[in-house]
Amino acid sequence: MKFTKLIALLLLALGSTQSAYSKNASNPEYTLVVEGFDWGPMVNKVIVGLDAPTKTAEIQDYSVMAERSHPCAEVSAASAKGSRTVVFAYVSDHKGNRVEEGSFITLILAVAPNSPICSALQYSQKAACRGNQWVNYKVTVTNTKTNQVWNKEKNRIMPLADEFDLKGKYEYEPGKSLTFASYVPKNSGKKLPLIIWLHGGGEGGTDPSVALLGNKAFNYASPDIQKYFGTAYVLVPQTPGAWMHDKDGKMQSGDGEDVYNVGLMKLIKDYVNKHPMIDPKRIYIGGCSNGGYMSLKLILKEPSYFAAGYISALAYQSQYITDSQINSIKNVPIWFIQSKDDKVTDPLLTAVPVYERLKKAGAKNVHFSFFDHVIDLTGMFGGENYYFNGHWSWIYSHANQVFKEYDGSYVKLDGRPVSLMEWMAAQAKK
């Protein structure tokens, strides 16, 4: 009889445990955090909910498996599935904010530029989905102590990028439109500048989040950069193809006519007109590679419109710019950024001769930071000994780690060295 009662109690306990696990399994939801890094957007946190509040979180209790897929872009087997390393765990609220006691656990995941399993994007060469594409990113989080599992995404957080409006769309001709992301600062009661960023060739399409996060363009809305401008609007337009495309969809380097510059200029002017608190004397335009081409193209077309330009990895070849055009922009403040080992846009055909021609024409406020390599600015992956792709000189721009002239001396304002953003914020049309 005692044995029978014992068995009954054990079965009851087991049933209760299974019931609890079933309850957990019925709501296996998590929130992904996708944060932009110098080399692109990474899934660097996952937030899971608990059945009851807790004050402790132990990393050894959690394992995370990730799966990456896309219906068009090819994802290699090596980067399609793998484990993620949990480097820290803490008690949080549902947004990942740390609290002393709460019903959520936030897991910090290791990321690295040479670890594609961490990436939220996949670059594709296929015509049907060329460029950077958001992958279907799924994780399975397991509490190895309780066997509780979370495997369904409920929400996604993109720090700072979430502060942008990603629904911008402007029809510049019947049936032809450009999408854009935009950041509007809090109303300060005074006119504020506008920072425009034009993406590279890999961020085209109709989803402005790709243009914003394909590289770290959202950082122009960060407090570290905004402080120089006393807050500023940020506009990130996106082309459905590439800024350098001609009417036949082929790339040209200035020798032909692209099909987007007229529509883009209309978009910019429309945005300024619809935001009367933008100061028309402080509109700044910059971009990288394809976007660097288009930035210079717009400056060449309307040199009196922009207060300054900041251009990385310029793709506009100097041979296609006339002396008359150079002379027309010699009074526009411009800061070029490029790396000597850029194999995509040869600086000896682009930024170097354009800069030298501007200086020869008498330009007084044109600068060029010419780096040996694009290095790890964080110091976490080798610092100056880690080399990114030499084309990625926009990393320096987005991080505001640009200080020097072509000859290696510091760019100065009022006799003191300044960064790119501090210099740019001081530029205004007379």
Protein backbone atom coordinates (compact mmCIF):
# COMPACT_ATOMS: atom_id res chain seq x y z
CA MET A 1 0.00 0.00 0.00
CA LYS A 2 2.78 2.37 0.92
CA PHE A 3 4.54 1.43 -2.34
CA THR A 4 1.36 2.17 -4.32
CA LYS A 5 1.02 5.60 -2.68
CA LEU A 6 4.65 6.36 -3.43
CA ILE A 7 4.15 5.52 -7.10
CA ALA A 8 1.04 7.72 -7.19
CA LEU A 9 2.90 10.63 -5.68
CA LEU A 10 5.73 10.23 -8.16
CA LEU A 11 3.31 10.16 -11.06
CA LEU A 12 1.56 13.25 -9.70
CA ALA A 13 4.87 15.11 -9.41
CA LEU A 14 5.89 14.02 -12.89
CA GLY A 15 2.55 15.17 -14.26
CA SER A 16 2.95 18.54 -12.59
CA THR A 17 6.43 18.90 -14.04
CA GLN A 18 5.24 17.95 -17.52
CA SER A 19 2.36 20.37 -17.17
CA ALA A 20 4.78 23.16 -16.26
CA TYR A 21 7.04 22.33 -19.19
CA SER A 22 4.02 22.19 -21.50
CA LYS A 23 3.01 25.60 -20.29
CA ASN A 24 6.50 26.92 -21.00
CA ALA A 25 6.53 25.27 -24.43
CA SER A 26 3.19 26.86 -25.32
CA ASN A 27 4.77 30.33 -25.12
CA PRO A 28 8.34 29.83 -26.34
CA GLU A 29 8.80 33.42 -27.50
CA TYR A 30 11.93 35.54 -27.58
CA THR A 31 13.02 39.00 -28.69
CA LEU A 32 16.05 39.40 -30.95
CA VAL A 33 18.30 42.43 -30.70
CA VAL A 34 20.05 43.37 -33.94
CA GLU A 35 22.73 45.99 -33.48
CA GLY A 36 24.83 47.67 -36.16
CA PHE A 37 28.59 47.26 -35.92
CA ASP A 38 31.39 48.73 -38.03
CA TRP A 39 31.18 45.74 -40.38
CA GLY A 40 27.38 45.35 -40.43
CA PRO A 41 24.30 44.32 -38.39
CA MET A 42 24.73 41.44 -35.98
CA VAL A 43 22.32 39.51 -33.74
CA ASN A 44 24.05 40.26 -30.45
CA LYS A 45 21.33 39.73 -27.84
CA VAL A 46 18.30 37.55 -27.25
CA ILE A 47 15.70 38.26 -24.55
CA VAL A 48 13.64 35.38 -23.13
CA GLY A 49 10.67 35.47 -20.75
CA LEU A 50 10.31 33.54 -17.49
CA ASP A 51 7.25 32.22 -15.67
CA ALA A 52 8.19 34.00 -12.47
CA PRO A 53 10.45 36.88 -11.42
CA THR A 54 14.07 36.13 -10.58
CA LYS A 55 17.12 37.96 -9.32
CA THR A 56 19.78 35.75 -10.87
CA ALA A 57 20.92 34.69 -14.32
CA GLU A 58 23.75 32.26 -15.04
CA ILE A 59 25.29 31.96 -18.50
CA GLN A 60 26.11 28.28 -18.01
CA ASP A 61 22.38 27.56 -17.84
CA TYR A 62 21.74 28.67 -21.43
CA SER A 63 22.68 27.44 -24.89
CA VAL A 64 21.78 29.18 -28.16
CA MET A 65 21.60 27.67 -31.63
CA ALA A 66 21.10 29.85 -34.70
CA GLU A 67 19.78 29.20 -38.20
CA ARG A 68 20.10 31.57 -41.18
CA SER A 69 18.19 31.20 -44.45
CA HIS A 70 16.90 33.22 -47.39
CA PRO A 71 14.56 32.21 -50.25
CA CYS A 72 16.85 33.76 -52.88
CA ALA A 73 20.26 34.72 -51.50
CA GLU A 74 22.56 31.74 -51.16
CA VAL A 75 23.61 31.02 -47.58
CA SER A 76 26.62 28.72 -47.32
CA ALA A 77 26.32 25.60 -45.21
CA ALA A 78 29.01 26.91 -42.86
CA SER A 79 27.00 30.05 -42.10
CA ALA A 80 23.50 28.54 -42.23
CA LYS A 81 23.50 26.86 -38.83
CA GLY A 82 25.65 26.93 -35.74
CA SER A 83 25.91 27.57 -32.04
CA ARG A 84 26.17 31.06 -30.59
CA THR A 85 28.46 31.84 -27.68
CA VAL A 86 26.75 33.38 -24.64
CA VAL A 87 29.21 35.78 -23.01
CA PHE A 88 26.94 37.27 -20.35
CA ALA A 89 23.45 36.91 -18.91
CA TYR A 90 21.45 39.30 -16.75
CA VAL A 91 17.98 39.87 -15.39
CA SER A 92 16.10 42.45 -17.45
CA ASP A 93 12.78 43.87 -18.53
CA HIS A 94 11.22 42.92 -21.89
CA LYS A 95 13.37 45.50 -23.70
CA GLY A 96 16.64 44.20 -22.34
CA ASN A 97 17.14 46.91 -19.72
CA ARG A 98 18.91 45.50 -16.69
CA VAL A 99 16.86 45.31 -13.48
CA GLU A 100 17.50 43.89 -10.03
CA GLU A 101 14.48 41.59 -10.23
CA GLY A 102 12.49 40.77 -13.33
CA SER A 103 10.74 38.19 -15.48
CA PHE A 104 13.16 38.27 -18.40
CA ILE A 105 16.72 37.17 -19.04
CA THR A 106 18.90 38.92 -21.61
CA LEU A 107 21.70 36.88 -23.13
CA ILE A 108 24.65 38.73 -24.66
CA LEU A 109 26.01 36.87 -27.67
CA ALA A 110 29.55 37.08 -28.98
CA VAL A 111 29.93 38.73 -32.40
CA ALA A 112 32.89 39.16 -34.74
CA PRO A 113 33.48 40.49 -38.25
CA ASN A 114 34.64 37.07 -39.45
CA SER A 115 31.70 35.14 -37.96
CA PRO A 116 28.86 35.07 -40.55
CA ILE A 117 26.60 32.99 -38.28
CA CYS A 118 26.15 36.21 -36.27
CA SER A 119 25.09 38.33 -39.24
CA ALA A 120 21.53 39.43 -39.88
CA LEU A 121 22.31 40.14 -43.55
CA GLN A 122 23.48 38.05 -46.48
CA TYR A 123 25.13 39.55 -49.55
CA SER A 124 23.91 38.10 -52.83
CA GLN A 125 25.19 38.34 -56.41
CA LYS A 126 22.00 36.89 -57.87
CA ALA A 127 20.14 39.21 -60.23
CA ALA A 128 16.83 38.47 -58.49
CA CYS A 129 18.11 39.57 -55.09
CA ARG A 130 21.39 41.38 -55.62
CA GLY A 131 22.94 43.17 -52.67
CA ASN A 132 22.42 42.82 -48.95
CA GLN A 133 19.31 40.92 -47.89
CA TRP A 134 17.83 40.39 -44.44
CA VAL A 135 18.02 36.69 -43.68
CA ASN A 136 15.43 34.65 -41.83
CA TYR A 137 17.26 34.47 -38.53
CA LYS A 138 15.96 31.93 -36.05
CA VAL A 139 17.38 30.98 -32.68
CA THR A 140 16.62 28.18 -30.30
CA VAL A 141 17.42 29.04 -26.71
CA THR A 142 17.55 26.21 -24.19
CA ASN A 143 17.81 26.39 -20.43
CA THR A 144 19.95 23.32 -19.93
CA LYS A 145 19.00 23.19 -16.26
CA THR A 146 15.20 23.11 -16.70
CA ASN A 147 15.00 22.04 -20.36
CA GLN A 148 12.82 25.06 -21.10
CA VAL A 149 13.04 26.08 -24.77
CA TRP A 150 12.36 29.35 -26.59
CA ASN A 151 12.19 29.07 -30.38
CA LYS A 152 9.69 31.61 -31.68
CA GLU A 153 10.53 35.27 -32.39
CA LYS A 154 8.02 37.66 -30.88
CA ASN A 155 9.76 40.98 -31.40
CA ARG A 156 12.92 42.52 -32.81
CA ILE A 157 14.82 45.50 -31.45
CA MET A 158 17.32 47.53 -33.49
CA PRO A 159 18.93 50.07 -31.13
CA LEU A 160 19.04 53.62 -32.53
CA ALA A 161 17.80 52.44 -35.92
CA ASP A 162 14.35 52.06 -34.32
CA GLU A 163 14.34 55.83 -33.85
CA PHE A 164 14.23 56.29 -37.64
CA ASP A 165 11.09 56.38 -39.75
CA LEU A 166 11.62 53.56 -42.25
CA LYS A 167 8.49 54.15 -44.31
CA GLY A 168 9.64 57.09 -46.39
CA LYS A 169 8.79 56.94 -50.09
CA TYR A 170 8.97 59.68 -52.72
CA GLU A 171 7.58 59.41 -56.25
CA TYR A 172 9.75 61.64 -58.43
CA GLU A 173 8.10 60.57 -61.69
CA PRO A 174 4.90 58.65 -62.37
CA GLY A 175 5.67 55.05 -61.45
CA LYS A 176 9.20 55.82 -60.26
CA SER A 177 10.06 56.29 -56.61
CA LEU A 178 12.85 56.27 -54.05
CA THR A 179 12.49 54.97 -50.52
CA PHE A 180 14.21 56.56 -47.54
CA ALA A 181 14.83 56.40 -43.81
CA SER A 182 14.74 59.58 -41.76
CA TYR A 183 15.46 60.77 -38.25
CA VAL A 184 13.69 63.81 -36.83
CA PRO A 185 15.24 65.29 -33.67
CA LYS A 186 13.15 66.59 -30.83
CA ASN A 187 11.80 70.06 -31.46
CA SER A 188 14.30 72.55 -30.12
CA GLY A 189 12.47 75.63 -31.37
CA LYS A 190 15.31 76.58 -33.71
CA LYS A 191 16.50 75.71 -37.18
CA LEU A 192 18.59 72.55 -37.31
CA PRO A 193 20.99 71.09 -39.89
CA LEU A 194 20.34 68.10 -42.14
CA ILE A 195 22.83 65.26 -42.59
CA ILE A 196 22.28 63.20 -45.76
CA TRP A 197 23.92 59.80 -46.27
CA LEU A 198 23.90 57.90 -49.57
CA HIS A 199 24.49 54.14 -49.38
CA GLY A 200 26.85 52.01 -51.41
CA GLY A 201 26.12 49.55 -54.20
CA GLY A 202 25.14 46.71 -51.89
CA GLU A 203 22.29 48.49 -50.09
CA GLY A 204 19.91 49.25 -52.95
CA GLY A 205 16.31 48.05 -52.98
CA THR A 206 13.04 49.16 -51.42
CA ASP A 207 13.75 48.48 -47.75
CA PRO A 208 15.46 51.53 -46.21
CA SER A 209 16.48 49.52 -43.16
CA VAL A 210 19.13 47.90 -45.38
CA ALA A 211 20.50 51.31 -46.41
CA LEU A 212 20.52 52.32 -42.75
CA LEU A 213 22.06 49.17 -41.28
CA GLY A 214 24.01 47.66 -44.16
CA ASN A 215 26.76 49.77 -42.71
CA LYS A 216 26.61 51.98 -39.65
CA ALA A 217 24.78 54.95 -41.22
CA PHE A 218 22.31 55.15 -38.32
CA ASN A 219 25.19 56.39 -36.17
CA TYR A 220 24.68 59.94 -37.49
CA ALA A 221 21.71 60.05 -35.11
CA SER A 222 23.84 58.93 -32.15
CA PRO A 223 24.40 61.31 -29.23
CA ASP A 224 28.15 61.23 -29.89
CA ILE A 225 27.66 62.77 -33.34
CA GLN A 226 24.50 64.77 -32.73
CA LYS A 227 26.23 66.79 -30.00
CA TYR A 228 28.40 68.57 -32.59
CA PHE A 229 25.33 69.83 -34.45
CA GLY A 230 23.15 70.71 -31.49
CA THR A 231 20.97 67.86 -32.86
CA ALA A 232 20.32 67.36 -36.57
CA TYR A 233 17.93 65.74 -39.00
CA VAL A 234 19.27 62.64 -40.77
CA LEU A 235 18.09 61.52 -44.20
CA VAL A 236 19.14 58.19 -45.76
CA PRO A 237 17.67 57.81 -49.28
CA GLN A 238 17.69 54.46 -51.07
CA THR A 239 17.76 53.66 -54.77
CA PRO A 240 16.02 50.54 -56.11
CA GLY A 241 19.22 49.69 -57.99
CA ALA A 242 22.55 51.50 -57.79
CA TRP A 243 23.20 55.24 -57.86
CA MET A 244 25.65 54.78 -60.76
CA HIS A 245 23.23 52.90 -63.02
CA ASP A 246 22.58 54.36 -66.45
CA LYS A 247 19.28 54.00 -68.33
CA ASP A 248 20.26 50.46 -69.36
CA GLY A 249 21.04 49.40 -65.80
CA LYS A 250 24.78 49.40 -66.38
CA MET A 251 27.37 50.93 -64.07
CA GLN A 252 29.18 54.05 -65.23
CA SER A 253 31.85 56.06 -63.38
CA GLY A 254 30.96 59.53 -64.57
CA ASP A 255 31.42 58.90 -68.29
CA GLY A 256 27.68 58.46 -68.74
CA GLU A 257 24.52 59.76 -67.11
CA ASP A 258 22.92 58.00 -64.19
CA VAL A 259 19.15 57.79 -63.96
CA TYR A 260 18.68 58.78 -60.33
CA ASN A 261 20.33 62.15 -59.66
CA VAL A 262 17.35 64.25 -60.78
CA GLY A 263 14.85 62.24 -58.75
CA LEU A 264 17.15 62.18 -55.71
CA MET A 265 17.56 65.94 -55.76
CA LYS A 266 13.79 66.30 -55.94
CA LEU A 267 13.45 63.98 -52.92
CA ILE A 268 15.95 66.02 -50.90
CA LYS A 269 14.28 69.33 -51.70
CA ASP A 270 10.84 67.89 -50.99
CA TYR A 271 12.03 66.59 -47.62
CA VAL A 272 13.52 69.99 -46.73
CA ASN A 273 10.34 71.78 -47.78
CA LYS A 274 8.21 69.46 -45.65
CA HIS A 275 10.43 70.05 -42.60
CA PRO A 276 10.57 73.83 -42.20
CA MET A 277 12.83 73.56 -39.14
CA ILE A 278 15.71 72.38 -41.35
CA ASP A 279 18.28 75.13 -41.80
CA PRO A 280 18.84 75.48 -45.57
CA LYS A 281 22.29 76.94 -44.88
CA ARG A 282 23.43 73.72 -43.18
CA ILE A 283 22.64 70.80 -45.45
CA TYR A 284 25.45 68.23 -45.59
CA ILE A 285 25.74 65.38 -48.07
CA GLY A 286 27.95 62.32 -47.99
CA GLY A 287 28.09 58.73 -49.12
CA CYS A 288 30.31 55.78 -49.87
CA SER A 289 31.38 54.21 -53.14
CA ASN A 290 28.19 54.42 -55.28
CA GLY A 291 26.87 56.94 -52.78
CA GLY A 292 30.17 58.82 -52.89
CA TYR A 293 29.75 59.10 -56.64
CA MET A 294 26.23 60.46 -56.22
CA SER A 295 27.26 62.88 -53.45
CA LEU A 296 29.86 64.45 -55.70
CA LYS A 297 27.44 64.39 -58.64
CA LEU A 298 24.87 66.44 -56.72
CA ILE A 299 27.54 68.86 -55.50
CA LEU A 300 28.71 69.30 -59.09
CA LYS A 301 25.15 69.92 -60.25
CA GLU A 302 24.13 72.27 -57.44
CA PRO A 303 27.25 73.49 -55.61
CA SER A 304 25.35 76.33 -53.93
CA TYR A 305 22.83 73.98 -52.29
CA PHE A 306 25.11 72.10 -49.91
CA ALA A 307 27.08 73.47 -46.96
CA ALA A 308 29.62 70.62 -47.10
CA GLY A 309 30.31 67.13 -48.40
CA TYR A 310 31.86 64.09 -46.73
CA ILE A 311 32.73 61.35 -49.20
CA SER A 312 34.15 57.86 -48.62
CA ALA A 313 35.60 55.50 -51.25
CA LEU A 314 34.69 57.85 -54.10
CA ALA A 315 33.58 55.98 -57.25
CA TYR A 316 33.46 59.04 -59.55
CA GLN A 317 36.53 58.95 -61.80
CA SER A 318 38.44 62.20 -62.08
CA GLN A 319 38.95 61.87 -65.84
CA TYR A 320 35.24 62.51 -66.38
CA ILE A 321 35.20 65.76 -64.42
CA THR A 322 36.09 68.86 -66.43
CA ASP A 323 38.34 71.66 -65.19
CA SER A 324 35.31 73.93 -65.34
CA GLN A 325 33.41 71.61 -63.00
CA ILE A 326 36.35 71.46 -60.60
CA ASN A 327 36.47 75.23 -60.55
CA SER A 328 32.72 75.40 -59.86
CA ILE A 329 33.02 73.42 -56.60
CA LYS A 330 36.36 74.67 -55.28
CA ASN A 331 34.57 76.75 -52.63
CA VAL A 332 32.40 73.88 -51.37
CA PRO A 333 33.88 72.39 -48.17
CA ILE A 334 34.54 68.69 -48.83
CA TRP A 335 36.32 66.01 -46.83
CA PHE A 336 37.36 62.87 -48.73
CA ILE A 337 38.09 59.56 -46.95
CA GLN A 338 39.69 56.55 -48.61
CA SER A 339 42.11 53.71 -48.02
CA LYS A 340 45.22 53.12 -50.10
CA ASP A 341 44.39 49.41 -50.44
CA ASP A 342 40.92 50.01 -51.89
CA LYS A 343 40.65 47.47 -54.74
CA VAL A 344 37.10 48.42 -55.74
CA THR A 345 37.33 52.16 -56.36
CA ASP A 346 40.96 52.89 -57.20
CA PRO A 347 41.90 56.06 -55.27
CA LEU A 348 44.49 56.94 -57.93
CA LEU A 349 41.64 57.28 -60.42
CA THR A 350 39.12 58.92 -58.08
CA ALA A 351 39.74 60.73 -54.80
CA VAL A 352 43.47 61.44 -55.18
CA PRO A 353 43.29 63.33 -58.51
CA VAL A 354 39.98 65.04 -57.61
CA TYR A 355 41.49 66.32 -54.37
CA GLU A 356 44.73 67.42 -56.04
CA ARG A 357 42.84 69.22 -58.81
CA LEU A 358 40.68 71.03 -56.26
CA LYS A 359 43.74 72.17 -54.32
CA LYS A 360 45.42 73.31 -57.52
CA ALA A 361 42.26 75.26 -58.40
CA GLY A 362 42.58 77.15 -55.11
CA ALA A 363 40.25 75.21 -52.80
CA LYS A 364 40.87 76.38 -49.22
CA ASN A 365 38.56 74.08 -47.30
CA VAL A 366 39.00 70.67 -48.92
CA HIS A 367 40.55 67.80 -46.97
CA PHE A 368 41.53 64.21 -47.66
CA SER A 369 42.21 61.52 -45.06
CA PHE A 370 44.14 58.79 -46.88
CA PHE A 371 44.48 55.69 -44.70
CA ASP A 372 46.92 52.83 -45.24
CA HIS A 373 44.26 50.29 -44.29
CA VAL A 374 40.78 50.07 -42.78
CA ILE A 375 41.47 48.69 -39.33
CA ASP A 376 39.56 47.42 -36.32
CA LEU A 377 38.71 50.62 -34.44
CA THR A 378 37.32 48.75 -31.43
CA GLY A 379 40.62 47.02 -30.62
CA MET A 380 38.69 43.81 -29.91
CA PHE A 381 39.83 41.90 -32.98
CA GLY A 382 43.44 42.98 -33.36
CA GLY A 383 43.19 46.75 -33.59
CA GLU A 384 45.64 48.14 -36.13
CA ASN A 385 46.72 44.60 -37.02
CA TYR A 386 43.24 43.61 -38.23
CA TYR A 387 42.44 44.78 -41.76
CA PHE A 388 38.92 45.08 -43.09
CA ASN A 389 38.28 45.15 -46.82
CA GLY A 390 40.18 48.21 -48.06
CA HIS A 391 37.02 49.50 -49.75
CA TRP A 392 35.27 49.96 -46.42
CA SER A 393 36.71 53.39 -45.57
CA TRP A 394 33.22 54.55 -44.59
CA ILE A 395 33.85 52.78 -41.29
CA TYR A 396 36.00 55.77 -40.31
CA SER A 397 33.27 58.22 -41.29
CA HIS A 398 30.46 56.49 -39.39
CA ALA A 399 32.64 56.21 -36.28
CA ASN A 400 33.82 59.81 -36.64
CA GLN A 401 37.42 58.62 -36.46
CA VAL A 402 38.73 60.96 -39.16
CA PHE A 403 41.18 63.69 -38.20
CA LYS A 404 44.06 64.08 -40.64
CA GLU A 405 44.96 65.82 -43.86
CA TYR A 406 46.44 64.21 -46.94
CA ASP A 407 49.94 65.06 -45.67
CA GLY A 408 49.31 63.48 -42.26
CA SER A 409 48.82 66.72 -40.34
CA TYR A 410 45.64 67.39 -38.36
CA VAL A 411 42.67 69.29 -39.75
CA LYS A 412 42.18 72.31 -37.52
CA LEU A 413 39.50 74.83 -36.65
CA ASP A 414 40.59 77.95 -34.80
CA GLY A 415 44.01 76.39 -34.37
CA ARG A 416 42.88 73.14 -32.72
CA PRO A 417 42.53 69.62 -34.20
CA VAL A 418 38.97 68.50 -34.96
CA SER A 419 37.19 65.39 -36.15
CA LEU A 420 35.23 65.06 -39.38
CA MET A 421 31.87 65.69 -37.71
CA GLU A 422 33.10 68.61 -35.63
CA TRP A 423 34.52 70.20 -38.78
CA MET A 424 31.33 69.56 -40.74
CA ALA A 425 29.08 71.00 -38.06
CA ALA A 426 31.03 74.28 -38.32
CA GLN A 427 30.34 74.63 -42.05
CA ALA A 428 27.48 76.87 -43.18
CA LYS A 429 26.62 78.68 -46.38
CA LYS A 430 27.12 82.40 -46.23
